[in-house]
Amino acid sequence: MKKKAFMMFIVCLTFVVALAGCSSSSTDGPTKAGGEKEVYANGKPVNIVAPASPGSGWDLTARALVETFTKEKLVEFPVPVLNEPGAVGAVSLSQLVTQNKGKVDRISVTSTPIMSNYLRGNSDYSYEDATMIARLITEYYTVVVPKDSKYKTLKDLLADVKEKGQAIPVGASGDDQLPFALLVDETGGNPKNIKFVSYEGGGEITNALLNGDLQAAVSGVSEFSSQIEAGEFRALAVLSEERLEGAMKDVPTAIEQGVNVSFGNWRGIMGPPEMPQEAVTYWQDTIEKALQTNTWKELAEKNQWETTFMKDEEFQKYLKETNDSIETGLQKTGQIK
């Protein structure tokens, strides 16, 4: 009897321990099918990094994502925006690659400078060193001048740049120099003679234009749309294939004006190198849902963004093709050998 009672005790004890284990695991947070722990179940914040100062295109994109995630209740944890300006995104990229390997608590907005910085030799890292999660949007460039500028058309400005070169300061942050260089090259000017004044983002360029430090500037439409709508800036051209709507509806394309150049800046989201696949999948799924919401659609329309979502193999193919095109453009305009 003692032996039988002892065996019953062992069976019961095993059963109780098993129940305790199940109860404990269930309080740790939701699990995926197959029992794999949900990567963001702990509710800890995830920083969304804008690798430039407030007012830049990267910053606007990060804040639009956060607004969408929050309003549409797509995430169950805080998603603060973290601005990390420096060297047109190169400083932030270096920190992402060298200090956050394998982590899940940071994602970053990225775009064409991740390619051009590396190709120019201004960064030790390229898009291949990070985890490229998804493409979000395409934003087209616009060339603007102050409202009282003598330049009435794009060709007026390009003719003066061709003739006077260094006498005309043109504001452009990082990779925004390439589309303007292509415009000058297309009209027979020498891109090497352009006096580019580099800034971290649209906010700084706006102030420089308003203060009279620049005669012209080029950037994404969203960075200048408020000033264009308010009549502070005159947009000479948009580098899309067809006219845009909203505040830009009356702005002719460069192609319309006989300058055969169109150029769009993709923006996407990346994570640290060796980011766990479950985290990558989480953000791909969440972002794809976000871009289908009314909140995002309204923000995209306001900022003149074309939503062009891509992920996985399609995105990787696009990145390779775009990198090759940028390299060709930099070679053509004499910015790299």
C-alpha atoms as a PDB file:
ATOM      1  CA  MET A   1       0.000   0.000   0.000  1.00  0.00           C
ATOM      2  CA  LYS A   2       2.832   2.390   0.874  1.00  0.00           C
ATOM      3  CA  LYS A   3       4.465   1.733  -2.496  1.00  0.00           C
ATOM      4  CA  LYS A   4       1.197   2.286  -4.359  1.00  0.00           C
ATOM      5  CA  ALA A   5       0.494   5.478  -2.405  1.00  0.00           C
ATOM      6  CA  PHE A   6       3.998   6.762  -3.174  1.00  0.00           C
ATOM      7  CA  MET A   7       3.508   6.111  -6.901  1.00  0.00           C
ATOM      8  CA  MET A   8       0.179   7.974  -6.847  1.00  0.00           C
ATOM      9  CA  PHE A   9       1.923  10.896  -5.121  1.00  0.00           C
ATOM     10  CA  ILE A  10       4.570  11.030  -7.873  1.00  0.00           C
ATOM     11  CA  VAL A  11       1.884  10.970 -10.615  1.00  0.00           C
ATOM     12  CA  CYS A  12      -0.057  13.778  -8.949  1.00  0.00           C
ATOM     13  CA  LEU A  13       3.066  15.851  -8.398  1.00  0.00           C
ATOM     14  CA  THR A  14       4.035  15.493 -12.060  1.00  0.00           C
ATOM     15  CA  PHE A  15       0.552  16.576 -13.116  1.00  0.00           C
ATOM     16  CA  VAL A  16       0.651  19.653 -10.851  1.00  0.00           C
ATOM     17  CA  VAL A  17       4.097  20.689 -12.150  1.00  0.00           C
ATOM     18  CA  ALA A  18       2.864  20.329 -15.731  1.00  0.00           C
ATOM     19  CA  LEU A  19      -0.149  22.521 -14.988  1.00  0.00           C
ATOM     20  CA  ALA A  20       2.056  25.120 -13.322  1.00  0.00           C
ATOM     21  CA  GLY A  21       4.303  25.164 -16.367  1.00  0.00           C
ATOM     22  CA  CYS A  22       1.362  25.725 -18.714  1.00  0.00           C
ATOM     23  CA  SER A  23      -0.008  28.474 -16.479  1.00  0.00           C
ATOM     24  CA  SER A  24       3.374  30.196 -16.261  1.00  0.00           C
ATOM     25  CA  SER A  25       3.955  30.187 -20.024  1.00  0.00           C
ATOM     26  CA  SER A  26       0.480  31.535 -20.734  1.00  0.00           C
ATOM     27  CA  THR A  27       1.100  34.624 -18.591  1.00  0.00           C
ATOM     28  CA  ASP A  28       4.296  35.519 -20.468  1.00  0.00           C
ATOM     29  CA  GLY A  29       2.355  36.739 -23.490  1.00  0.00           C
ATOM     30  CA  PRO A  30       0.845  35.459 -26.720  1.00  0.00           C
ATOM     31  CA  THR A  31       2.544  32.681 -28.639  1.00  0.00           C
ATOM     32  CA  LYS A  32       2.674  31.819 -32.289  1.00  0.00           C
ATOM     33  CA  ALA A  33       1.412  28.584 -33.775  1.00  0.00           C
ATOM     34  CA  GLY A  34       3.790  25.844 -32.724  1.00  0.00           C
ATOM     35  CA  GLY A  35       4.497  27.535 -29.385  1.00  0.00           C
ATOM     36  CA  GLU A  36       7.094  30.077 -30.579  1.00  0.00           C
ATOM     37  CA  LYS A  37       7.022  33.204 -28.412  1.00  0.00           C
ATOM     38  CA  GLU A  38       5.593  36.343 -30.007  1.00  0.00           C
ATOM     39  CA  VAL A  39       8.639  38.567 -30.525  1.00  0.00           C
ATOM     40  CA  TYR A  40       6.994  41.799 -29.326  1.00  0.00           C
ATOM     41  CA  ALA A  41       4.794  40.342 -26.564  1.00  0.00           C
ATOM     42  CA  ASN A  42       6.687  42.069 -23.745  1.00  0.00           C
ATOM     43  CA  GLY A  43       5.266  45.502 -24.622  1.00  0.00           C
ATOM     44  CA  LYS A  44       8.657  47.230 -24.583  1.00  0.00           C
ATOM     45  CA  PRO A  45       9.115  50.295 -26.843  1.00  0.00           C
ATOM     46  CA  VAL A  46      10.495  49.991 -30.364  1.00  0.00           C
ATOM     47  CA  ASN A  47      12.259  53.108 -31.663  1.00  0.00           C
ATOM     48  CA  ILE A  48      11.479  54.187 -35.204  1.00  0.00           C
ATOM     49  CA  VAL A  49      14.603  56.027 -36.296  1.00  0.00           C
ATOM     50  CA  ALA A  50      14.612  59.032 -38.620  1.00  0.00           C
ATOM     51  CA  PRO A  51      18.287  59.412 -39.606  1.00  0.00           C
ATOM     52  CA  ALA A  52      18.021  63.197 -39.943  1.00  0.00           C
ATOM     53  CA  SER A  53      16.619  66.224 -38.139  1.00  0.00           C
ATOM     54  CA  PRO A  54      12.892  67.019 -37.680  1.00  0.00           C
ATOM     55  CA  GLY A  55      11.248  68.255 -40.868  1.00  0.00           C
ATOM     56  CA  SER A  56      13.258  65.997 -43.148  1.00  0.00           C
ATOM     57  CA  GLY A  57      11.611  63.490 -45.460  1.00  0.00           C
ATOM     58  CA  TRP A  58      12.827  60.642 -43.255  1.00  0.00           C
ATOM     59  CA  ASP A  59      11.316  62.344 -40.205  1.00  0.00           C
ATOM     60  CA  LEU A  60       7.976  62.955 -41.936  1.00  0.00           C
ATOM     61  CA  THR A  61       7.843  59.320 -43.005  1.00  0.00           C
ATOM     62  CA  ALA A  62       8.639  57.997 -39.533  1.00  0.00           C
ATOM     63  CA  ARG A  63       5.991  60.195 -37.910  1.00  0.00           C
ATOM     64  CA  ALA A  64       3.399  59.251 -40.518  1.00  0.00           C
ATOM     65  CA  LEU A  65       4.006  55.581 -39.723  1.00  0.00           C
ATOM     66  CA  VAL A  66       3.719  56.194 -35.984  1.00  0.00           C
ATOM     67  CA  GLU A  67       0.503  58.160 -36.457  1.00  0.00           C
ATOM     68  CA  THR A  68      -0.935  55.310 -38.512  1.00  0.00           C
ATOM     69  CA  PHE A  69       0.194  52.570 -36.121  1.00  0.00           C
ATOM     70  CA  THR A  70      -1.320  54.500 -33.193  1.00  0.00           C
ATOM     71  CA  LYS A  71      -4.621  55.665 -34.701  1.00  0.00           C
ATOM     72  CA  GLU A  72      -5.336  52.300 -36.290  1.00  0.00           C
ATOM     73  CA  LYS A  73      -4.211  50.377 -33.153  1.00  0.00           C
ATOM     74  CA  LEU A  74      -1.850  48.164 -35.111  1.00  0.00           C
ATOM     75  CA  VAL A  75       0.812  47.826 -32.403  1.00  0.00           C
ATOM     76  CA  GLU A  76       0.487  47.182 -28.667  1.00  0.00           C
ATOM     77  CA  PHE A  77       3.652  48.930 -27.531  1.00  0.00           C
ATOM     78  CA  PRO A  78       5.121  52.462 -27.714  1.00  0.00           C
ATOM     79  CA  VAL A  79       6.782  53.482 -31.001  1.00  0.00           C
ATOM     80  CA  PRO A  80       8.688  56.714 -30.325  1.00  0.00           C
ATOM     81  CA  VAL A  81      10.465  58.498 -33.168  1.00  0.00           C
ATOM     82  CA  LEU A  82      14.196  58.888 -32.591  1.00  0.00           C
ATOM     83  CA  ASN A  83      16.036  61.497 -34.695  1.00  0.00           C
ATOM     84  CA  GLU A  84      19.664  60.577 -35.443  1.00  0.00           C
ATOM     85  CA  PRO A  85      21.069  63.244 -37.806  1.00  0.00           C
ATOM     86  CA  GLY A  86      24.561  63.115 -39.232  1.00  0.00           C
ATOM     87  CA  ALA A  87      26.300  62.694 -42.596  1.00  0.00           C
ATOM     88  CA  VAL A  88      23.048  62.233 -44.540  1.00  0.00           C
ATOM     89  CA  GLY A  89      22.087  59.054 -42.719  1.00  0.00           C
ATOM     90  CA  ALA A  90      25.575  57.536 -42.589  1.00  0.00           C
ATOM     91  CA  VAL A  91      25.979  58.117 -38.832  1.00  0.00           C
ATOM     92  CA  SER A  92      22.675  56.436 -38.008  1.00  0.00           C
ATOM     93  CA  LEU A  93      23.382  53.535 -40.380  1.00  0.00           C
ATOM     94  CA  SER A  94      26.769  52.958 -38.744  1.00  0.00           C
ATOM     95  CA  GLN A  95      25.136  52.810 -35.309  1.00  0.00           C
ATOM     96  CA  LEU A  96      22.456  50.440 -36.576  1.00  0.00           C
ATOM     97  CA  VAL A  97      25.020  48.065 -38.084  1.00  0.00           C
ATOM     98  CA  THR A  98      27.704  48.128 -35.401  1.00  0.00           C
ATOM     99  CA  GLN A  99      25.713  48.538 -32.166  1.00  0.00           C
ATOM    100  CA  ASN A 100      22.398  46.761 -32.759  1.00  0.00           C
ATOM    101  CA  LYS A 101      23.228  43.455 -34.453  1.00  0.00           C
ATOM    102  CA  GLY A 102      20.450  40.922 -33.934  1.00  0.00           C
ATOM    103  CA  LYS A 103      18.230  43.307 -31.930  1.00  0.00           C
ATOM    104  CA  VAL A 104      14.486  43.824 -32.418  1.00  0.00           C
ATOM    105  CA  ASP A 105      13.870  47.132 -30.608  1.00  0.00           C
ATOM    106  CA  ARG A 106      14.865  49.447 -33.464  1.00  0.00           C
ATOM    107  CA  ILE A 107      13.757  49.942 -37.055  1.00  0.00           C
ATOM    108  CA  SER A 108      14.837  52.795 -39.290  1.00  0.00           C
ATOM    109  CA  VAL A 109      13.552  54.772 -42.254  1.00  0.00           C
ATOM    110  CA  THR A 110      15.884  54.551 -45.224  1.00  0.00           C
ATOM    111  CA  SER A 111      16.054  55.621 -48.871  1.00  0.00           C
ATOM    112  CA  THR A 112      18.449  56.210 -51.753  1.00  0.00           C
ATOM    113  CA  PRO A 113      21.295  57.790 -49.697  1.00  0.00           C
ATOM    114  CA  ILE A 114      22.015  54.360 -48.225  1.00  0.00           C
ATOM    115  CA  MET A 115      23.209  53.523 -51.733  1.00  0.00           C
ATOM    116  CA  SER A 116      24.747  56.794 -52.922  1.00  0.00           C
ATOM    117  CA  ASN A 117      26.667  57.415 -49.679  1.00  0.00           C
ATOM    118  CA  TYR A 118      28.381  54.060 -50.062  1.00  0.00           C
ATOM    119  CA  LEU A 119      29.007  54.522 -53.792  1.00  0.00           C
ATOM    120  CA  ARG A 120      30.535  57.949 -53.169  1.00  0.00           C
ATOM    121  CA  GLY A 121      32.747  56.546 -50.409  1.00  0.00           C
ATOM    122  CA  ASN A 122      30.974  58.578 -47.701  1.00  0.00           C
ATOM    123  CA  SER A 123      29.844  55.533 -45.734  1.00  0.00           C
ATOM    124  CA  ASP A 124      31.429  52.210 -44.818  1.00  0.00           C
ATOM    125  CA  TYR A 125      28.057  50.465 -45.050  1.00  0.00           C
ATOM    126  CA  SER A 126      25.446  49.868 -47.740  1.00  0.00           C
ATOM    127  CA  TYR A 127      21.936  48.462 -47.853  1.00  0.00           C
ATOM    128  CA  GLU A 128      23.458  44.970 -47.941  1.00  0.00           C
ATOM    129  CA  ASP A 129      24.760  45.431 -44.384  1.00  0.00           C
ATOM    130  CA  ALA A 130      21.303  45.997 -42.860  1.00  0.00           C
ATOM    131  CA  THR A 131      18.097  43.961 -42.855  1.00  0.00           C
ATOM    132  CA  MET A 132      15.935  45.510 -45.569  1.00  0.00           C
ATOM    133  CA  ILE A 133      12.353  44.968 -44.396  1.00  0.00           C
ATOM    134  CA  ALA A 134      10.050  46.698 -46.894  1.00  0.00           C
ATOM    135  CA  ARG A 135       9.651  49.552 -49.350  1.00  0.00           C
ATOM    136  CA  LEU A 136       6.917  52.027 -48.422  1.00  0.00           C
ATOM    137  CA  ILE A 137       6.668  54.859 -50.906  1.00  0.00           C
ATOM    138  CA  THR A 138       8.075  56.745 -53.841  1.00  0.00           C
ATOM    139  CA  GLU A 139       8.408  60.511 -53.516  1.00  0.00           C
ATOM    140  CA  TYR A 140       9.255  62.695 -56.477  1.00  0.00           C
ATOM    141  CA  TYR A 141      11.691  65.599 -56.418  1.00  0.00           C
ATOM    142  CA  THR A 142      10.866  69.218 -57.030  1.00  0.00           C
ATOM    143  CA  VAL A 143      13.050  72.237 -57.808  1.00  0.00           C
ATOM    144  CA  VAL A 144      12.018  75.401 -55.958  1.00  0.00           C
ATOM    145  CA  VAL A 145      13.102  79.043 -55.682  1.00  0.00           C
ATOM    146  CA  PRO A 146      11.973  81.861 -53.338  1.00  0.00           C
ATOM    147  CA  LYS A 147       8.721  83.579 -54.306  1.00  0.00           C
ATOM    148  CA  ASP A 148      10.505  86.749 -55.456  1.00  0.00           C
ATOM    149  CA  SER A 149      13.189  84.916 -57.461  1.00  0.00           C
ATOM    150  CA  LYS A 150      14.047  86.098 -60.965  1.00  0.00           C
ATOM    151  CA  TYR A 151      13.757  82.505 -62.184  1.00  0.00           C
ATOM    152  CA  LYS A 152      10.318  81.869 -63.645  1.00  0.00           C
ATOM    153  CA  THR A 153      10.964  78.513 -65.326  1.00  0.00           C
ATOM    154  CA  LEU A 154      13.249  75.524 -64.871  1.00  0.00           C
ATOM    155  CA  LYS A 155      15.105  76.350 -68.078  1.00  0.00           C
ATOM    156  CA  ASP A 156      15.800  79.898 -66.811  1.00  0.00           C
ATOM    157  CA  LEU A 157      17.530  78.447 -63.758  1.00  0.00           C
ATOM    158  CA  LEU A 158      19.415  75.727 -65.631  1.00  0.00           C
ATOM    159  CA  ALA A 159      20.682  78.219 -68.225  1.00  0.00           C
ATOM    160  CA  ASP A 160      22.085  80.413 -65.457  1.00  0.00           C
ATOM    161  CA  VAL A 161      23.671  77.437 -63.688  1.00  0.00           C
ATOM    162  CA  LYS A 162      25.247  76.370 -66.993  1.00  0.00           C
ATOM    163  CA  GLU A 163      26.690  79.848 -67.538  1.00  0.00           C
ATOM    164  CA  LYS A 164      27.600  80.959 -63.999  1.00  0.00           C
ATOM    165  CA  GLY A 165      28.082  77.678 -62.158  1.00  0.00           C
ATOM    166  CA  GLN A 166      29.596  78.409 -58.734  1.00  0.00           C
ATOM    167  CA  ALA A 167      27.871  81.784 -58.484  1.00  0.00           C
ATOM    168  CA  ILE A 168      24.496  80.136 -57.868  1.00  0.00           C
ATOM    169  CA  PRO A 169      24.160  78.239 -54.563  1.00  0.00           C
ATOM    170  CA  VAL A 170      21.727  75.329 -54.809  1.00  0.00           C
ATOM    171  CA  GLY A 171      20.520  73.642 -51.625  1.00  0.00           C
ATOM    172  CA  ALA A 172      20.401  69.858 -51.653  1.00  0.00           C
ATOM    173  CA  SER A 173      20.654  67.349 -48.837  1.00  0.00           C
ATOM    174  CA  GLY A 174      22.746  64.318 -49.694  1.00  0.00           C
ATOM    175  CA  ASP A 175      21.305  62.280 -52.497  1.00  0.00           C
ATOM    176  CA  ASP A 176      19.080  65.140 -53.658  1.00  0.00           C
ATOM    177  CA  GLN A 177      22.107  66.434 -55.561  1.00  0.00           C
ATOM    178  CA  LEU A 178      21.863  63.644 -58.133  1.00  0.00           C
ATOM    179  CA  PRO A 179      18.525  64.608 -59.757  1.00  0.00           C
ATOM    180  CA  PHE A 180      19.604  68.250 -60.095  1.00  0.00           C
ATOM    181  CA  ALA A 181      22.944  67.152 -61.553  1.00  0.00           C
ATOM    182  CA  LEU A 182      21.042  65.075 -64.103  1.00  0.00           C
ATOM    183  CA  LEU A 183      18.950  68.136 -65.043  1.00  0.00           C
ATOM    184  CA  VAL A 184      22.086  70.205 -65.610  1.00  0.00           C
ATOM    185  CA  ASP A 185      23.734  67.406 -67.574  1.00  0.00           C
ATOM    186  CA  GLU A 186      20.645  66.972 -69.756  1.00  0.00           C
ATOM    187  CA  THR A 187      20.744  70.650 -70.781  1.00  0.00           C
ATOM    188  CA  GLY A 188      24.427  70.630 -71.671  1.00  0.00           C
ATOM    189  CA  GLY A 189      25.852  72.005 -68.441  1.00  0.00           C
ATOM    190  CA  ASN A 190      28.702  70.574 -66.381  1.00  0.00           C
ATOM    191  CA  PRO A 191      27.452  68.981 -63.129  1.00  0.00           C
ATOM    192  CA  LYS A 192      30.924  69.451 -61.613  1.00  0.00           C
ATOM    193  CA  ASN A 193      30.397  73.232 -61.697  1.00  0.00           C
ATOM    194  CA  ILE A 194      27.246  73.224 -59.579  1.00  0.00           C
ATOM    195  CA  LYS A 195      27.638  74.944 -56.223  1.00  0.00           C
ATOM    196  CA  PHE A 196      25.747  72.523 -53.997  1.00  0.00           C
ATOM    197  CA  VAL A 197      25.193  73.547 -50.392  1.00  0.00           C
ATOM    198  CA  SER A 198      24.476  70.403 -48.381  1.00  0.00           C
ATOM    199  CA  TYR A 199      21.955  70.236 -45.542  1.00  0.00           C
ATOM    200  CA  GLU A 200      20.649  67.432 -43.342  1.00  0.00           C
ATOM    201  CA  GLY A 201      17.023  67.883 -44.334  1.00  0.00           C
ATOM    202  CA  GLY A 202      14.202  69.967 -45.724  1.00  0.00           C
ATOM    203  CA  GLY A 203      13.761  72.062 -42.578  1.00  0.00           C
ATOM    204  CA  GLU A 204      17.262  73.524 -42.820  1.00  0.00           C
ATOM    205  CA  ILE A 205      16.970  74.075 -46.586  1.00  0.00           C
ATOM    206  CA  THR A 206      13.661  75.886 -46.104  1.00  0.00           C
ATOM    207  CA  ASN A 207      15.231  78.296 -43.627  1.00  0.00           C
ATOM    208  CA  ALA A 208      18.209  78.898 -45.934  1.00  0.00           C
ATOM    209  CA  LEU A 209      15.905  79.707 -48.862  1.00  0.00           C
ATOM    210  CA  LEU A 210      13.765  82.040 -46.762  1.00  0.00           C
ATOM    211  CA  ASN A 211      16.901  83.769 -45.442  1.00  0.00           C
ATOM    212  CA  GLY A 212      18.289  84.329 -48.946  1.00  0.00           C
ATOM    213  CA  ASP A 213      21.282  82.027 -48.469  1.00  0.00           C
ATOM    214  CA  LEU A 214      20.246  79.953 -51.493  1.00  0.00           C
ATOM    215  CA  GLN A 215      18.959  80.815 -54.937  1.00  0.00           C
ATOM    216  CA  ALA A 216      17.337  77.421 -55.540  1.00  0.00           C
ATOM    217  CA  ALA A 217      16.886  74.058 -53.898  1.00  0.00           C
ATOM    218  CA  VAL A 218      15.868  70.521 -54.717  1.00  0.00           C
ATOM    219  CA  SER A 219      14.213  67.970 -52.444  1.00  0.00           C
ATOM    220  CA  GLY A 220      11.214  65.691 -52.120  1.00  0.00           C
ATOM    221  CA  VAL A 221       7.827  67.322 -52.652  1.00  0.00           C
ATOM    222  CA  SER A 222       6.686  66.724 -49.055  1.00  0.00           C
ATOM    223  CA  GLU A 223       9.517  68.837 -47.656  1.00  0.00           C
ATOM    224  CA  PHE A 224       8.441  71.954 -49.577  1.00  0.00           C
ATOM    225  CA  SER A 225       4.688  71.437 -50.089  1.00  0.00           C
ATOM    226  CA  SER A 226       3.626  73.708 -47.192  1.00  0.00           C
ATOM    227  CA  GLN A 227       5.754  76.604 -48.442  1.00  0.00           C
ATOM    228  CA  ILE A 228       4.598  76.072 -52.035  1.00  0.00           C
ATOM    229  CA  GLU A 229       0.967  76.083 -50.928  1.00  0.00           C
ATOM    230  CA  ALA A 230       1.536  79.194 -48.802  1.00  0.00           C
ATOM    231  CA  GLY A 231       3.166  81.003 -51.731  1.00  0.00           C
ATOM    232  CA  GLU A 232       6.583  81.315 -50.042  1.00  0.00           C
ATOM    233  CA  PHE A 233       8.300  79.162 -52.675  1.00  0.00           C
ATOM    234  CA  ARG A 234       7.803  78.893 -56.422  1.00  0.00           C
ATOM    235  CA  ALA A 235       8.098  75.349 -57.719  1.00  0.00           C
ATOM    236  CA  LEU A 236       9.760  75.380 -61.136  1.00  0.00           C
ATOM    237  CA  ALA A 237       9.337  71.698 -61.906  1.00  0.00           C
ATOM    238  CA  VAL A 238       8.466  68.310 -60.495  1.00  0.00           C
ATOM    239  CA  LEU A 239      10.538  65.328 -61.612  1.00  0.00           C
ATOM    240  CA  SER A 240       7.639  62.933 -62.108  1.00  0.00           C
ATOM    241  CA  GLU A 241       6.530  61.558 -65.455  1.00  0.00           C
ATOM    242  CA  GLU A 242       3.106  63.141 -65.079  1.00  0.00           C
ATOM    243  CA  ARG A 243       1.839  66.111 -63.062  1.00  0.00           C
ATOM    244  CA  LEU A 244       0.970  65.545 -59.425  1.00  0.00           C
ATOM    245  CA  GLU A 245      -2.210  66.653 -57.675  1.00  0.00           C
ATOM    246  CA  GLY A 246      -3.008  68.867 -54.710  1.00  0.00           C
ATOM    247  CA  ALA A 247      -0.606  71.743 -54.066  1.00  0.00           C
ATOM    248  CA  MET A 248       1.510  70.601 -57.037  1.00  0.00           C
ATOM    249  CA  LYS A 249      -1.243  70.381 -59.647  1.00  0.00           C
ATOM    250  CA  ASP A 250      -0.111  73.555 -61.456  1.00  0.00           C
ATOM    251  CA  VAL A 251       3.590  72.685 -61.405  1.00  0.00           C
ATOM    252  CA  PRO A 252       4.847  71.380 -64.768  1.00  0.00           C
ATOM    253  CA  THR A 253       7.105  68.365 -65.010  1.00  0.00           C
ATOM    254  CA  ALA A 254      10.668  68.770 -66.252  1.00  0.00           C
ATOM    255  CA  ILE A 255       9.704  66.590 -69.211  1.00  0.00           C
ATOM    256  CA  GLU A 256       6.918  69.030 -70.152  1.00  0.00           C
ATOM    257  CA  GLN A 257       9.553  71.767 -70.278  1.00  0.00           C
ATOM    258  CA  GLY A 258      11.787  69.824 -72.639  1.00  0.00           C
ATOM    259  CA  VAL A 259      14.193  68.452 -70.001  1.00  0.00           C
ATOM    260  CA  ASN A 260      13.889  64.687 -70.231  1.00  0.00           C
ATOM    261  CA  VAL A 261      14.548  63.771 -66.590  1.00  0.00           C
ATOM    262  CA  SER A 262      12.271  62.033 -64.095  1.00  0.00           C
ATOM    263  CA  PHE A 263      13.518  60.910 -60.707  1.00  0.00           C
ATOM    264  CA  GLY A 264      11.806  59.446 -57.659  1.00  0.00           C
ATOM    265  CA  ASN A 265      13.178  58.704 -54.215  1.00  0.00           C
ATOM    266  CA  TRP A 266      12.079  55.411 -52.681  1.00  0.00           C
ATOM    267  CA  ARG A 267      11.706  55.181 -48.918  1.00  0.00           C
ATOM    268  CA  GLY A 268      11.563  52.035 -46.871  1.00  0.00           C
ATOM    269  CA  ILE A 269      12.129  50.448 -43.496  1.00  0.00           C
ATOM    270  CA  MET A 270      15.204  48.514 -42.411  1.00  0.00           C
ATOM    271  CA  GLY A 271      16.359  46.754 -39.261  1.00  0.00           C
ATOM    272  CA  PRO A 272      19.723  45.809 -37.779  1.00  0.00           C
ATOM    273  CA  PRO A 273      21.846  43.068 -39.349  1.00  0.00           C
ATOM    274  CA  GLU A 274      20.781  39.540 -38.361  1.00  0.00           C
ATOM    275  CA  MET A 275      17.377  40.751 -37.181  1.00  0.00           C
ATOM    276  CA  PRO A 276      15.342  37.629 -36.298  1.00  0.00           C
ATOM    277  CA  GLN A 277      13.011  36.534 -39.079  1.00  0.00           C
ATOM    278  CA  GLU A 278       9.973  36.633 -36.797  1.00  0.00           C
ATOM    279  CA  ALA A 279      10.633  40.349 -36.187  1.00  0.00           C
ATOM    280  CA  VAL A 280      11.059  40.987 -39.921  1.00  0.00           C
ATOM    281  CA  THR A 281       7.786  39.195 -40.664  1.00  0.00           C
ATOM    282  CA  TYR A 282       6.008  41.102 -37.889  1.00  0.00           C
ATOM    283  CA  TRP A 283       6.971  44.463 -39.378  1.00  0.00           C
ATOM    284  CA  GLN A 284       6.264  43.423 -42.957  1.00  0.00           C
ATOM    285  CA  ASP A 285       2.754  42.322 -41.966  1.00  0.00           C
ATOM    286  CA  THR A 286       2.108  45.368 -39.771  1.00  0.00           C
ATOM    287  CA  ILE A 287       3.373  47.849 -42.364  1.00  0.00           C
ATOM    288  CA  GLU A 288       1.365  46.212 -45.142  1.00  0.00           C
ATOM    289  CA  LYS A 289      -1.794  46.593 -43.011  1.00  0.00           C
ATOM    290  CA  ALA A 290      -0.900  50.189 -42.142  1.00  0.00           C
ATOM    291  CA  LEU A 291      -0.514  51.246 -45.779  1.00  0.00           C
ATOM    292  CA  GLN A 292      -4.041  50.040 -46.523  1.00  0.00           C
ATOM    293  CA  THR A 293      -5.690  52.226 -43.857  1.00  0.00           C
ATOM    294  CA  ASN A 294      -7.490  55.516 -44.401  1.00  0.00           C
ATOM    295  CA  THR A 295      -5.117  57.215 -41.969  1.00  0.00           C
ATOM    296  CA  TRP A 296      -2.116  56.364 -44.132  1.00  0.00           C
ATOM    297  CA  LYS A 297      -3.911  57.147 -47.395  1.00  0.00           C
ATOM    298  CA  GLU A 298      -4.754  60.649 -46.145  1.00  0.00           C
ATOM    299  CA  LEU A 299      -1.156  61.255 -45.045  1.00  0.00           C
ATOM    300  CA  ALA A 300       0.196  59.949 -48.346  1.00  0.00           C
ATOM    301  CA  GLU A 301      -2.116  62.238 -50.301  1.00  0.00           C
ATOM    302  CA  LYS A 302      -1.145  65.230 -48.156  1.00  0.00           C
ATOM    303  CA  ASN A 303       2.562  64.578 -48.688  1.00  0.00           C
ATOM    304  CA  GLN A 304       2.272  63.614 -52.382  1.00  0.00           C
ATOM    305  CA  TRP A 305       3.631  60.123 -51.684  1.00  0.00           C
ATOM    306  CA  GLU A 306       2.948  57.227 -54.020  1.00  0.00           C
ATOM    307  CA  THR A 307       2.543  54.081 -51.935  1.00  0.00           C
ATOM    308  CA  THR A 308       4.716  51.385 -53.523  1.00  0.00           C
ATOM    309  CA  PHE A 309       4.931  48.548 -50.992  1.00  0.00           C
ATOM    310  CA  MET A 310       7.454  45.775 -51.612  1.00  0.00           C
ATOM    311  CA  LYS A 311       9.023  43.052 -49.502  1.00  0.00           C
ATOM    312  CA  ASP A 312      11.142  39.890 -49.744  1.00  0.00           C
ATOM    313  CA  GLU A 313      12.515  38.896 -53.172  1.00  0.00           C
ATOM    314  CA  GLU A 314      10.669  41.629 -55.061  1.00  0.00           C
ATOM    315  CA  PHE A 315      12.209  44.266 -52.785  1.00  0.00           C
ATOM    316  CA  GLN A 316      15.692  42.762 -53.012  1.00  0.00           C
ATOM    317  CA  LYS A 317      15.509  42.760 -56.812  1.00  0.00           C
ATOM    318  CA  TYR A 318      14.356  46.385 -56.798  1.00  0.00           C
ATOM    319  CA  LEU A 319      17.221  47.376 -54.485  1.00  0.00           C
ATOM    320  CA  LYS A 320      19.819  45.798 -56.752  1.00  0.00           C
ATOM    321  CA  GLU A 321      18.396  47.425 -59.898  1.00  0.00           C
ATOM    322  CA  THR A 322      18.087  50.825 -58.207  1.00  0.00           C
ATOM    323  CA  ASN A 323      21.618  50.651 -56.831  1.00  0.00           C
ATOM    324  CA  ASP A 324      22.912  49.952 -60.330  1.00  0.00           C
ATOM    325  CA  SER A 325      20.922  52.906 -61.745  1.00  0.00           C
ATOM    326  CA  ILE A 326      22.216  55.297 -59.093  1.00  0.00           C
ATOM    327  CA  GLU A 327      25.778  54.178 -59.739  1.00  0.00           C
ATOM    328  CA  THR A 328      25.293  54.878 -63.452  1.00  0.00           C
ATOM    329  CA  GLY A 329      23.818  58.309 -62.688  1.00  0.00           C
ATOM    330  CA  LEU A 330      26.706  59.213 -60.362  1.00  0.00           C
ATOM    331  CA  GLN A 331      29.220  58.169 -63.001  1.00  0.00           C
ATOM    332  CA  LYS A 332      27.402  60.115 -65.728  1.00  0.00           C
ATOM    333  CA  THR A 333      27.384  63.316 -63.672  1.00  0.00           C
ATOM    334  CA  GLY A 334      31.006  62.936 -62.572  1.00  0.00           C
ATOM    335  CA  GLN A 335      30.236  62.345 -58.895  1.00  0.00           C
ATOM    336  CA  ILE A 336      32.112  59.033 -58.842  1.00  0.00           C
ATOM    337  CA  LYS A 337      34.609  57.457 -61.220  1.00  0.00           C
END
